[in-house]
């Protein structure tokens, strides 16, 4: 956004909103130079990031865990396209999920339930024992009635079927992130 306010040329750009933000910044500087040469002196304020209050621009840190490479890649692309979401890692099994949760402390983990080495339910139990504030979204194609019973005792915060539309999955991730942030601010 480019704005002239009380003698100041103000340019706001979010690096996550568009890959063209640097080009826009350079263009704004050039516009400023022309403006200065034609008018009375003005100042230039450059703010790379969110023009809103920092609390309104909280970046949601997400970890994706799935043993299928295509699923991980698809979710990675979907998450990276979202403003306000930072993908902190990709894991292919529960053991990697536990290690990455310790290392990156994400706000939300999208966690497959059926994986080799360590399944999602075991991983969620270990993660929640150390990081109870992390929100875990069980992400599975299972539709077995036993799965529903397991989820009632599992250490997960929500369930999402893999057939769910990407925008709905992202909405659930954002909702869990808001719940995590709300819980942090009231602790």
Protein backbone atom coordinates (compact mmCIF):
# COMPACT_ATOMS: atom_id res chain seq x y z
CA UNK A 1 0.00 0.00 0.00
CA UNK A 2 1.35 3.42 -0.93
CA UNK A 3 0.02 6.44 0.89
CA UNK A 4 0.90 10.11 1.27
CA UNK A 5 0.09 11.28 4.78
CA UNK A 6 1.04 14.69 6.20
CA UNK A 7 4.16 15.06 4.08
CA UNK A 8 5.26 11.42 4.44
CA UNK A 9 5.28 8.79 1.75
CA UNK A 10 4.35 5.55 3.49
CA UNK A 11 4.72 2.16 1.85
CA UNK A 12 3.47 -1.01 3.50
CA UNK A 13 4.30 -4.42 2.06
CA UNK A 14 3.98 -7.89 3.45
CA UNK A 15 6.58 -10.31 2.12
CA UNK A 16 4.11 -13.18 2.60
CA UNK A 17 1.30 -11.49 0.68
CA UNK A 18 2.99 -11.34 -2.69
CA UNK A 19 6.33 -12.32 -4.16
CA UNK A 20 6.33 -8.93 -5.92
CA UNK A 21 6.62 -6.90 -2.70
CA UNK A 22 10.26 -5.98 -3.32
CA UNK A 23 9.44 -4.71 -6.81
CA UNK A 24 6.68 -2.60 -5.29
CA UNK A 25 9.09 -1.25 -2.71
CA UNK A 26 11.58 -0.22 -5.39
CA UNK A 27 8.78 1.40 -7.39
CA UNK A 28 7.64 3.30 -4.28
CA UNK A 29 11.17 4.64 -3.74
CA UNK A 30 11.31 5.81 -7.37
CA UNK A 31 7.90 7.49 -7.03
CA UNK A 32 9.19 9.16 -3.89
CA UNK A 33 12.27 10.50 -5.69
CA UNK A 34 10.09 12.01 -8.43
CA UNK A 35 7.73 13.47 -5.86
CA UNK A 36 10.60 15.10 -3.96
CA UNK A 37 11.94 16.68 -7.11
CA UNK A 38 8.51 18.15 -7.92
CA UNK A 39 7.21 19.18 -4.50
CA UNK A 40 8.25 20.33 -1.11
CA UNK A 41 10.34 17.96 0.97
CA UNK A 42 8.64 14.84 2.24
CA UNK A 43 9.93 11.95 4.29
CA UNK A 44 9.91 8.29 3.35
CA UNK A 45 8.76 5.64 5.81
CA UNK A 46 9.25 2.06 4.74
CA UNK A 47 7.56 -0.66 6.71
CA UNK A 48 8.11 -4.17 5.46
CA UNK A 49 5.64 -6.34 7.28
CA UNK A 50 2.12 -5.91 8.46
CA UNK A 51 0.78 -2.36 8.81
CA UNK A 52 -1.57 -3.47 11.57
CA UNK A 53 -0.75 -3.91 15.20
CA UNK A 54 1.69 -6.75 15.76
CA UNK A 55 -0.86 -8.70 17.80
CA UNK A 56 -3.15 -8.70 14.78
CA UNK A 57 -0.35 -10.07 12.57
CA UNK A 58 0.66 -13.06 14.65
CA UNK A 59 2.18 -15.65 12.38
CA UNK A 60 0.75 -19.12 12.92
CA UNK A 61 3.53 -21.72 13.04
CA UNK A 62 2.46 -25.04 11.48
CA UNK A 63 4.12 -28.46 11.30
CA UNK A 64 2.85 -31.03 8.77
CA UNK A 65 3.26 -34.75 9.48
CA UNK A 66 2.29 -37.40 6.94
CA UNK A 67 4.05 -40.47 5.59
CA UNK A 68 2.85 -39.84 2.03
CA UNK A 69 5.18 -37.49 0.19
CA UNK A 70 2.46 -36.22 -2.15
CA UNK A 71 0.22 -35.30 0.80
CA UNK A 72 3.09 -33.49 2.56
CA UNK A 73 3.95 -31.61 -0.62
CA UNK A 74 0.32 -30.64 -1.31
CA UNK A 75 -0.21 -29.41 2.24
CA UNK A 76 3.10 -27.56 2.11
CA UNK A 77 2.02 -25.69 -1.02
CA UNK A 78 -1.40 -24.91 0.45
CA UNK A 79 0.05 -23.59 3.73
CA UNK A 80 2.79 -21.55 2.08
CA UNK A 81 0.18 -19.69 0.02
CA UNK A 82 -1.55 -18.46 3.17
CA UNK A 83 -0.71 -15.09 4.66
CA UNK A 84 -0.13 -15.43 8.37
CA UNK A 85 0.96 -19.08 8.25
CA UNK A 86 4.60 -20.11 8.56
CA UNK A 87 5.41 -23.70 7.74
CA UNK A 88 8.07 -24.70 10.27
CA UNK A 89 8.63 -28.23 9.05
CA UNK A 90 7.58 -31.44 7.36
CA UNK A 91 7.83 -34.83 9.02
CA UNK A 92 7.14 -38.29 7.61
CA UNK A 93 6.44 -40.22 10.83
CA UNK A 94 5.52 -39.79 14.47
CA UNK A 95 9.09 -39.93 15.78
CA UNK A 96 10.10 -37.07 13.48
CA UNK A 97 6.99 -35.18 14.59
CA UNK A 98 8.00 -35.42 18.26
CA UNK A 99 11.56 -34.26 17.46
CA UNK A 100 10.35 -31.37 15.29
CA UNK A 101 7.76 -30.31 17.87
CA UNK A 102 10.57 -30.07 20.43
CA UNK A 103 12.82 -28.17 18.01
CA UNK A 104 10.30 -25.78 16.43
CA UNK A 105 7.47 -25.56 18.98
CA UNK A 106 4.72 -25.00 16.39
CA UNK A 107 1.31 -23.58 17.26
CA UNK A 108 -0.52 -26.27 15.26
CA UNK A 109 0.46 -29.73 14.01
CA UNK A 110 -1.43 -31.37 11.14
CA UNK A 111 -0.83 -35.03 12.02
CA UNK A 112 -1.64 -38.17 10.04
CA UNK A 113 -2.79 -41.04 12.25
CA UNK A 114 -1.43 -44.04 10.36
CA UNK A 115 2.33 -43.83 9.79
CA UNK A 116 5.37 -46.09 10.08
CA UNK A 117 7.93 -45.89 12.91
CA UNK A 118 5.41 -44.18 15.24
CA UNK A 119 1.72 -43.60 14.56
CA UNK A 120 0.00 -40.25 15.00
CA UNK A 121 -1.86 -41.13 18.19
CA UNK A 122 1.35 -42.18 19.97
CA UNK A 123 3.11 -39.08 18.68
CA UNK A 124 0.28 -36.80 19.85
CA UNK A 125 0.45 -38.29 23.35
CA UNK A 126 4.20 -37.67 23.56
CA UNK A 127 3.93 -34.16 22.13
CA UNK A 128 1.09 -33.13 24.44
CA UNK A 129 2.93 -34.45 27.50
CA UNK A 130 5.78 -32.00 26.84
CA UNK A 131 3.94 -29.24 24.93
CA UNK A 132 0.30 -29.16 26.06
CA UNK A 133 -0.18 -25.75 24.38
CA UNK A 134 0.42 -27.14 20.87
CA UNK A 135 -2.85 -27.77 19.02
CA UNK A 136 -2.95 -31.06 17.14
CA UNK A 137 -5.22 -31.68 14.16
CA UNK A 138 -5.59 -35.39 13.43
CA UNK A 139 -5.64 -35.66 9.64
CA UNK A 140 -6.68 -39.06 8.36
CA UNK A 141 -8.60 -41.01 5.75
CA UNK A 142 -9.77 -43.49 8.39
CA UNK A 143 -13.53 -43.87 8.67
CA UNK A 144 -13.55 -46.86 10.96
CA UNK A 145 -15.92 -46.62 13.97
CA UNK A 146 -12.96 -47.67 16.15
CA UNK A 147 -11.12 -44.53 15.03
CA UNK A 148 -13.84 -42.38 16.57
CA UNK A 149 -13.46 -44.22 19.87
CA UNK A 150 -9.65 -43.83 19.71
CA UNK A 151 -9.96 -40.11 18.99
CA UNK A 152 -12.10 -39.60 22.11
CA UNK A 153 -9.18 -40.72 24.27
CA UNK A 154 -6.40 -39.38 22.02
CA UNK A 155 -4.45 -36.22 22.73
CA UNK A 156 -5.75 -34.35 19.67
CA UNK A 157 -7.70 -31.11 19.49
CA UNK A 158 -9.61 -31.71 16.24
CA UNK A 159 -10.10 -34.25 13.48
CA UNK A 160 -10.16 -33.62 9.74
CA UNK A 161 -10.79 -36.20 7.06
CA UNK A 162 -8.32 -36.18 4.18
CA UNK A 163 -11.20 -35.70 1.75
CA UNK A 164 -11.90 -32.27 3.27
CA UNK A 165 -11.42 -29.32 0.92
CA UNK A 166 -8.10 -27.49 1.38
CA UNK A 167 -9.77 -24.18 2.31
CA UNK A 168 -11.75 -25.97 5.03
CA UNK A 169 -8.57 -27.61 6.36
CA UNK A 170 -6.84 -24.22 6.46
CA UNK A 171 -9.86 -22.73 8.25
CA UNK A 172 -9.58 -25.46 10.92
CA UNK A 173 -5.82 -24.83 11.25
CA UNK A 174 -6.47 -21.09 11.67
CA UNK A 175 -9.21 -21.77 14.24
CA UNK A 176 -6.87 -23.98 16.25
CA UNK A 177 -4.21 -21.29 16.01
CA UNK A 178 -6.64 -18.71 17.37
CA UNK A 179 -7.52 -21.04 20.24
CA UNK A 180 -3.82 -21.52 21.00
CA UNK A 181 -3.21 -17.76 20.96
CA UNK A 182 -6.27 -17.12 23.14
CA UNK A 183 -5.05 -19.70 25.63
CA UNK A 184 -1.56 -18.09 25.70
CA UNK A 185 -2.97 -14.62 26.31
CA UNK A 186 -5.14 -15.84 29.21
CA UNK A 187 -2.42 -17.87 30.92
